[in-house]
C-alpha cells in the first residue's frame, strides 16, 4: 500500500466504530480486544447462530459420532 492509498474502513461488528483494514490493526474486523471478546461470548452463549438446520451428531447406538 502506498502513502496515497487509503485503507478500507469497516465498522466494528460489536460497537460499529470505524476500523482501518490494515496489517497493524490486530483485532480486525473488531476495533479492540474487548469487542472481539464480547462477540466470542455471544457465540458461546448461543446468542448468535448460523441459520440452517441443526446437524445430527448422534449415531444409531446413541454415542456422539462427531468425536469418533
N, C-alpha and C. Protein backbone atom coordinates (compact mmCIF):
# COMPACT_ATOMS: atom_id res chain seq x y z
N UNK A 1 0.85 -1.17 0.00
CA UNK A 1 0.00 0.00 0.00
C UNK A 1 0.89 1.23 0.00
N UNK A 2 0.66 2.14 -0.92
CA UNK A 2 1.45 3.36 -0.97
C UNK A 2 0.83 4.41 -0.07
N UNK A 3 1.56 5.51 0.13
CA UNK A 3 1.06 6.54 1.03
C UNK A 3 -0.18 7.24 0.47
N UNK A 4 -0.42 7.12 -0.84
CA UNK A 4 -1.62 7.74 -1.41
C UNK A 4 -2.84 6.84 -1.33
N UNK A 5 -2.63 5.56 -1.10
CA UNK A 5 -3.77 4.63 -0.95
C UNK A 5 -4.40 4.79 0.42
N UNK A 6 -5.71 4.84 0.42
CA UNK A 6 -6.43 4.91 1.70
C UNK A 6 -6.84 3.50 2.09
N UNK A 7 -6.69 3.14 3.36
CA UNK A 7 -7.12 1.80 3.78
C UNK A 7 -8.64 1.69 3.74
N UNK A 8 -9.10 0.49 3.57
CA UNK A 8 -10.54 0.23 3.63
C UNK A 8 -10.99 0.44 5.07
N UNK A 9 -12.10 1.07 5.24
CA UNK A 9 -12.67 1.31 6.56
C UNK A 9 -13.93 0.44 6.69
N UNK A 10 -13.98 -0.39 7.74
CA UNK A 10 -15.15 -1.21 8.03
C UNK A 10 -15.68 -0.82 9.40
N UNK A 11 -16.89 -1.24 9.70
CA UNK A 11 -17.47 -0.97 11.02
C UNK A 11 -17.23 -2.17 11.92
N UNK A 12 -16.84 -1.91 13.14
CA UNK A 12 -16.70 -2.97 14.14
C UNK A 12 -18.07 -3.64 14.30
N UNK A 13 -18.14 -4.98 14.20
CA UNK A 13 -19.43 -5.66 14.33
C UNK A 13 -20.09 -5.49 15.70
N UNK A 14 -19.31 -5.16 16.71
CA UNK A 14 -19.86 -5.05 18.06
C UNK A 14 -20.32 -3.63 18.38
N UNK A 15 -19.44 -2.64 18.18
CA UNK A 15 -19.78 -1.27 18.59
C UNK A 15 -19.97 -0.31 17.42
N UNK A 16 -19.71 -0.77 16.21
CA UNK A 16 -19.90 -0.01 14.98
C UNK A 16 -18.91 1.14 14.79
N UNK A 17 -17.83 1.17 15.56
CA UNK A 17 -16.79 2.18 15.33
C UNK A 17 -16.06 1.87 14.03
N UNK A 18 -15.53 2.90 13.36
CA UNK A 18 -14.76 2.65 12.14
C UNK A 18 -13.43 1.95 12.45
N UNK A 19 -13.06 0.97 11.62
CA UNK A 19 -11.83 0.21 11.80
C UNK A 19 -11.08 0.21 10.47
N UNK A 20 -9.82 0.60 10.50
CA UNK A 20 -8.99 0.57 9.29
C UNK A 20 -8.56 -0.87 9.03
N UNK A 21 -8.71 -1.31 7.79
CA UNK A 21 -8.31 -2.68 7.42
C UNK A 21 -6.85 -2.63 6.99
N UNK A 22 -5.97 -2.66 8.00
CA UNK A 22 -4.53 -2.59 7.76
C UNK A 22 -3.84 -3.71 8.54
N UNK A 23 -2.61 -4.06 8.14
CA UNK A 23 -1.89 -5.11 8.88
C UNK A 23 -1.65 -4.74 10.35
N UNK A 24 -1.58 -3.46 10.64
CA UNK A 24 -1.34 -3.02 12.02
C UNK A 24 -2.54 -3.23 12.93
N UNK A 25 -3.72 -3.31 12.35
CA UNK A 25 -4.95 -3.50 13.15
C UNK A 25 -5.06 -4.98 13.51
N UNK A 26 -4.67 -5.30 14.74
CA UNK A 26 -4.58 -6.69 15.21
C UNK A 26 -5.93 -7.38 15.38
N UNK A 27 -6.97 -6.64 15.64
CA UNK A 27 -8.25 -7.25 16.02
C UNK A 27 -9.30 -7.18 14.92
N UNK A 28 -8.91 -6.80 13.70
CA UNK A 28 -9.91 -6.64 12.65
C UNK A 28 -10.71 -7.90 12.44
N UNK A 29 -11.97 -7.84 12.22
CA UNK A 29 -12.76 -6.65 11.91
C UNK A 29 -13.21 -5.88 13.15
N UNK A 30 -12.76 -6.28 14.32
CA UNK A 30 -13.14 -5.59 15.55
C UNK A 30 -12.20 -4.43 15.82
N UNK A 31 -12.66 -3.46 16.60
CA UNK A 31 -11.82 -2.29 16.89
C UNK A 31 -10.84 -2.56 18.02
N UNK A 32 -11.16 -3.53 18.89
CA UNK A 32 -10.29 -3.80 20.03
C UNK A 32 -10.55 -5.21 20.57
N UNK A 33 -9.70 -5.63 21.48
CA UNK A 33 -9.83 -6.95 22.09
C UNK A 33 -11.17 -7.10 22.82
N UNK A 34 -11.61 -6.03 23.48
CA UNK A 34 -12.87 -6.08 24.23
C UNK A 34 -14.04 -6.44 23.31
N UNK A 35 -14.15 -5.75 22.17
CA UNK A 35 -15.24 -6.03 21.23
C UNK A 35 -15.13 -7.45 20.68
N UNK A 36 -13.92 -7.90 20.45
CA UNK A 36 -13.68 -9.26 19.95
C UNK A 36 -14.19 -10.29 20.97
N UNK A 37 -13.90 -10.06 22.26
CA UNK A 37 -14.32 -10.99 23.31
C UNK A 37 -15.83 -10.94 23.55
N UNK A 38 -16.42 -9.77 23.40
CA UNK A 38 -17.88 -9.66 23.53
C UNK A 38 -18.54 -10.52 22.46
N UNK A 39 -18.05 -10.43 21.23
CA UNK A 39 -18.60 -11.23 20.13
C UNK A 39 -18.41 -12.72 20.39
N UNK A 40 -17.24 -13.11 20.84
CA UNK A 40 -16.98 -14.52 21.15
C UNK A 40 -17.95 -15.02 22.22
N UNK A 41 -18.19 -14.22 23.24
CA UNK A 41 -19.12 -14.59 24.30
C UNK A 41 -20.54 -14.77 23.78
N UNK A 42 -20.95 -13.93 22.83
CA UNK A 42 -22.29 -14.06 22.26
C UNK A 42 -22.42 -15.38 21.49
N UNK A 43 -21.37 -15.79 20.78
CA UNK A 43 -21.40 -17.08 20.08
C UNK A 43 -21.41 -18.23 21.09
N UNK A 44 -20.60 -18.11 22.15
CA UNK A 44 -20.51 -19.18 23.15
C UNK A 44 -21.83 -19.36 23.90
N UNK A 45 -22.55 -18.27 24.13
CA UNK A 45 -23.84 -18.34 24.82
C UNK A 45 -24.99 -18.63 23.86
N UNK A 46 -24.65 -18.90 22.59
CA UNK A 46 -25.61 -19.20 21.54
C UNK A 46 -26.60 -18.07 21.30
N UNK A 47 -26.16 -16.82 21.55
CA UNK A 47 -26.98 -15.67 21.21
C UNK A 47 -26.90 -15.41 19.71
N UNK A 48 -25.82 -15.86 19.09
CA UNK A 48 -25.66 -15.77 17.64
C UNK A 48 -25.60 -17.18 17.08
N UNK A 49 -26.15 -17.36 15.87
CA UNK A 49 -26.14 -18.67 15.23
C UNK A 49 -26.06 -18.49 13.73
N UNK A 50 -25.58 -19.52 13.07
CA UNK A 50 -25.61 -19.57 11.62
C UNK A 50 -26.93 -20.21 11.24
N UNK A 51 -27.73 -19.54 10.40
CA UNK A 51 -29.04 -20.10 10.06
C UNK A 51 -28.92 -21.42 9.30
N UNK A 52 -29.88 -22.26 9.53
CA UNK A 52 -29.94 -23.54 8.84
C UNK A 52 -30.37 -24.65 9.77
N UNK A 53 -30.49 -25.83 9.22
CA UNK A 53 -30.89 -26.99 10.00
C UNK A 53 -29.73 -27.45 10.90
N UNK A 54 -30.05 -27.89 12.09
CA UNK A 54 -29.04 -28.43 13.00
C UNK A 54 -28.52 -29.75 12.46
N UNK A 55 -27.25 -30.02 12.68
CA UNK A 55 -26.66 -31.28 12.24
C UNK A 55 -26.96 -32.37 13.25
N UNK A 56 -27.23 -33.56 12.79
CA UNK A 56 -27.44 -34.71 13.66
C UNK A 56 -26.07 -35.23 14.07
N UNK A 57 -25.76 -35.22 15.35
CA UNK A 57 -24.45 -35.63 15.83
C UNK A 57 -24.44 -37.00 16.47
N UNK A 58 -25.57 -37.65 16.60
CA UNK A 58 -25.62 -38.96 17.25
C UNK A 58 -25.80 -40.06 16.20
N UNK A 59 -25.12 -41.20 16.42
CA UNK A 59 -25.33 -42.34 15.53
C UNK A 59 -26.39 -43.26 16.14
N UNK A 60 -26.59 -44.42 15.55
CA UNK A 60 -27.68 -45.31 15.97
C UNK A 60 -27.56 -45.82 17.40
N UNK A 61 -26.32 -45.97 17.93
CA UNK A 61 -26.19 -46.51 19.30
C UNK A 61 -26.18 -45.41 20.36
N UNK A 62 -26.51 -44.17 19.98
CA UNK A 62 -26.64 -43.10 20.96
C UNK A 62 -25.34 -42.40 21.33
N UNK A 63 -24.22 -42.82 20.74
CA UNK A 63 -22.95 -42.16 21.04
C UNK A 63 -22.76 -40.96 20.13
N UNK A 64 -21.98 -40.04 20.58
CA UNK A 64 -21.70 -38.84 19.81
C UNK A 64 -20.73 -39.18 18.69
N UNK A 65 -21.21 -39.27 17.46
CA UNK A 65 -20.40 -39.69 16.32
C UNK A 65 -19.45 -38.60 15.86
N UNK A 66 -19.67 -37.38 16.26
CA UNK A 66 -18.82 -36.27 15.83
C UNK A 66 -17.38 -36.45 16.29
N UNK A 67 -17.16 -37.03 17.45
CA UNK A 67 -15.82 -37.16 18.01
C UNK A 67 -15.19 -38.51 17.78
N UNK A 68 -15.77 -39.34 16.94
CA UNK A 68 -15.21 -40.66 16.66
C UNK A 68 -14.54 -40.71 15.33
